[in-house]
Structure formats: C-alpha cells, structure tokens
N, C-alpha and C. Protein backbone atom coordinates (compact mmCIF):
# COMPACT_ATOMS: atom_id res chain seq x y z
N MET A 1 33.60 -4.39 -18.73
CA MET A 1 33.69 -3.43 -19.80
C MET A 1 33.45 -4.17 -21.12
N ASP A 2 32.68 -3.60 -21.97
CA ASP A 2 32.37 -4.17 -23.27
C ASP A 2 33.39 -3.67 -24.31
N PHE A 3 33.98 -4.60 -25.05
CA PHE A 3 35.01 -4.23 -26.03
C PHE A 3 34.49 -3.22 -27.04
N ASP A 4 33.32 -3.46 -27.59
CA ASP A 4 32.79 -2.58 -28.63
C ASP A 4 32.58 -1.15 -28.11
N GLU A 5 32.13 -1.03 -26.88
CA GLU A 5 31.94 0.30 -26.29
C GLU A 5 33.29 0.98 -26.07
N ALA A 6 34.25 0.23 -25.54
CA ALA A 6 35.58 0.79 -25.32
C ALA A 6 36.23 1.16 -26.65
N TYR A 7 36.05 0.33 -27.64
CA TYR A 7 36.64 0.60 -28.96
C TYR A 7 36.05 1.89 -29.56
N ALA A 8 34.78 2.10 -29.34
CA ALA A 8 34.13 3.31 -29.87
C ALA A 8 34.67 4.58 -29.20
N ARG A 9 35.18 4.45 -27.98
CA ARG A 9 35.70 5.62 -27.25
C ARG A 9 37.21 5.76 -27.37
N LYS A 10 37.84 4.95 -28.17
CA LYS A 10 39.31 4.96 -28.26
C LYS A 10 39.83 6.34 -28.68
N ASN A 11 41.07 6.58 -28.32
CA ASN A 11 41.80 7.77 -28.75
C ASN A 11 42.91 7.30 -29.68
N PHE A 12 43.55 8.24 -30.32
CA PHE A 12 44.67 7.89 -31.19
C PHE A 12 45.92 8.62 -30.73
N CYS A 13 47.01 7.90 -30.69
CA CYS A 13 48.32 8.46 -30.41
C CYS A 13 49.00 8.62 -31.76
N HIS A 14 49.39 9.84 -32.10
CA HIS A 14 50.01 10.11 -33.39
C HIS A 14 51.53 10.04 -33.24
N ILE A 15 52.15 9.28 -34.08
CA ILE A 15 53.59 9.08 -34.02
C ILE A 15 54.22 9.59 -35.31
N ASP A 16 55.04 10.63 -35.16
CA ASP A 16 55.77 11.22 -36.29
C ASP A 16 54.88 11.56 -37.48
N ASP A 17 53.66 11.93 -37.24
CA ASP A 17 52.71 12.28 -38.30
C ASP A 17 52.57 11.19 -39.36
N GLU A 18 53.03 9.97 -39.04
CA GLU A 18 52.95 8.87 -40.00
C GLU A 18 52.00 7.77 -39.55
N PHE A 19 51.92 7.58 -38.24
CA PHE A 19 51.14 6.47 -37.71
C PHE A 19 50.11 6.97 -36.71
N GLN A 20 49.00 6.30 -36.68
CA GLN A 20 47.97 6.53 -35.67
C GLN A 20 47.76 5.22 -34.93
N VAL A 21 48.06 5.23 -33.65
CA VAL A 21 47.93 4.02 -32.85
C VAL A 21 46.71 4.17 -31.94
N PRO A 22 45.73 3.28 -32.05
CA PRO A 22 44.56 3.38 -31.17
C PRO A 22 44.94 2.99 -29.74
N VAL A 23 44.45 3.77 -28.78
CA VAL A 23 44.68 3.49 -27.37
C VAL A 23 43.37 3.64 -26.61
N LEU A 24 43.28 2.95 -25.48
CA LEU A 24 42.09 3.04 -24.65
C LEU A 24 41.88 4.47 -24.15
N HIS A 25 40.64 4.87 -24.06
CA HIS A 25 40.29 6.13 -23.41
C HIS A 25 40.73 6.01 -21.95
N PHE A 26 41.15 7.11 -21.36
CA PHE A 26 41.65 7.12 -19.99
C PHE A 26 40.70 6.40 -19.03
N ASN A 27 39.42 6.74 -19.09
CA ASN A 27 38.45 6.13 -18.16
C ASN A 27 38.34 4.63 -18.36
N ASP A 28 38.42 4.17 -19.60
CA ASP A 28 38.36 2.73 -19.87
C ASP A 28 39.62 2.02 -19.37
N LEU A 29 40.76 2.68 -19.48
CA LEU A 29 42.00 2.11 -18.97
C LEU A 29 41.93 1.94 -17.46
N VAL A 30 41.46 2.97 -16.76
CA VAL A 30 41.34 2.89 -15.31
C VAL A 30 40.35 1.79 -14.93
N LEU A 31 39.22 1.73 -15.60
CA LEU A 31 38.22 0.70 -15.30
C LEU A 31 38.78 -0.70 -15.55
N SER A 32 39.50 -0.85 -16.63
CA SER A 32 40.09 -2.15 -16.95
C SER A 32 41.07 -2.58 -15.86
N LYS A 33 41.90 -1.66 -15.42
CA LYS A 33 42.86 -1.97 -14.36
C LYS A 33 42.14 -2.25 -13.04
N PHE A 34 41.10 -1.51 -12.75
CA PHE A 34 40.33 -1.73 -11.52
C PHE A 34 39.71 -3.13 -11.50
N ASN A 35 39.20 -3.55 -12.64
CA ASN A 35 38.51 -4.84 -12.72
C ASN A 35 39.44 -6.05 -12.54
N THR A 36 40.75 -5.87 -12.72
CA THR A 36 41.66 -7.00 -12.53
C THR A 36 41.81 -7.36 -11.06
N GLY A 37 41.72 -6.35 -10.19
CA GLY A 37 41.89 -6.59 -8.77
C GLY A 37 43.33 -6.82 -8.34
N ARG A 38 44.27 -6.70 -9.27
CA ARG A 38 45.68 -6.94 -8.94
C ARG A 38 46.28 -5.72 -8.22
N THR A 39 47.18 -5.98 -7.30
CA THR A 39 47.84 -4.93 -6.54
C THR A 39 48.58 -3.96 -7.46
N LYS A 40 49.27 -4.49 -8.45
CA LYS A 40 50.03 -3.66 -9.39
C LYS A 40 49.09 -2.72 -10.14
N ASP A 41 47.95 -3.21 -10.56
CA ASP A 41 47.01 -2.37 -11.30
C ASP A 41 46.42 -1.29 -10.40
N LYS A 42 46.21 -1.60 -9.12
CA LYS A 42 45.73 -0.57 -8.19
C LYS A 42 46.76 0.54 -8.05
N ALA A 43 48.04 0.17 -7.99
CA ALA A 43 49.11 1.18 -7.94
C ALA A 43 49.14 2.00 -9.23
N ASP A 44 48.93 1.33 -10.37
CA ASP A 44 48.87 2.04 -11.66
C ASP A 44 47.73 3.05 -11.68
N ILE A 45 46.59 2.67 -11.13
CA ILE A 45 45.44 3.58 -11.09
C ILE A 45 45.78 4.84 -10.30
N GLU A 46 46.43 4.67 -9.16
CA GLU A 46 46.83 5.82 -8.36
C GLU A 46 47.74 6.75 -9.16
N GLU A 47 48.70 6.19 -9.87
CA GLU A 47 49.61 7.00 -10.67
C GLU A 47 48.89 7.68 -11.83
N LEU A 48 48.01 6.95 -12.48
CA LEU A 48 47.25 7.53 -13.59
C LEU A 48 46.38 8.69 -13.11
N GLN A 49 45.79 8.55 -11.94
CA GLN A 49 44.96 9.62 -11.40
C GLN A 49 45.80 10.84 -11.03
N LYS A 50 47.01 10.62 -10.52
CA LYS A 50 47.91 11.74 -10.23
C LYS A 50 48.27 12.49 -11.51
N ILE A 51 48.57 11.74 -12.55
CA ILE A 51 48.92 12.36 -13.84
C ILE A 51 47.75 13.16 -14.37
N GLU A 52 46.56 12.58 -14.32
CA GLU A 52 45.36 13.26 -14.83
C GLU A 52 45.10 14.54 -14.03
N LYS A 53 45.30 14.48 -12.74
CA LYS A 53 45.08 15.65 -11.89
C LYS A 53 46.08 16.75 -12.26
N GLN A 54 47.33 16.39 -12.52
CA GLN A 54 48.34 17.37 -12.90
C GLN A 54 48.03 18.01 -14.25
N LYS A 55 47.48 17.23 -15.16
CA LYS A 55 47.13 17.75 -16.49
C LYS A 55 46.04 18.81 -16.41
N LYS A 56 45.17 18.72 -15.41
CA LYS A 56 44.05 19.63 -15.29
C LYS A 56 44.45 20.97 -14.67
N LYS A 57 45.66 21.06 -14.14
CA LYS A 57 46.11 22.31 -13.53
C LYS A 57 46.50 23.33 -14.56
C-alpha cells in the first residue's frame, strides 16, 4: 500500500466537534492488516468484516 494513496483516502473522526482525527479508510485498514500476515491481524480482519456487514443491514 502506498502512503500517499492511503492518505488521500483518509476519513476523519470528529471528537466533540473540536477535533478532527485522520484515520485510515476501512479498505486500507483491512489491506494493511492483511499485508502483515500476523495471526492477530487476520483475526482483526474477520471482526472488521463482521462489523462492516452489520453496518450495511
């Protein structure tokens, strides 16, 4: 994953209407975790996909 491309797709988390915190786009987060190859990150991907699926209902 290219940092500049991921940065261009970032989202913002708004906190108390005072702060905007940049966060990775969902797809970039999943890709980043996939690329590590770590068992923990694979488990995180499964949970993230469950959450995303629930949001679409």
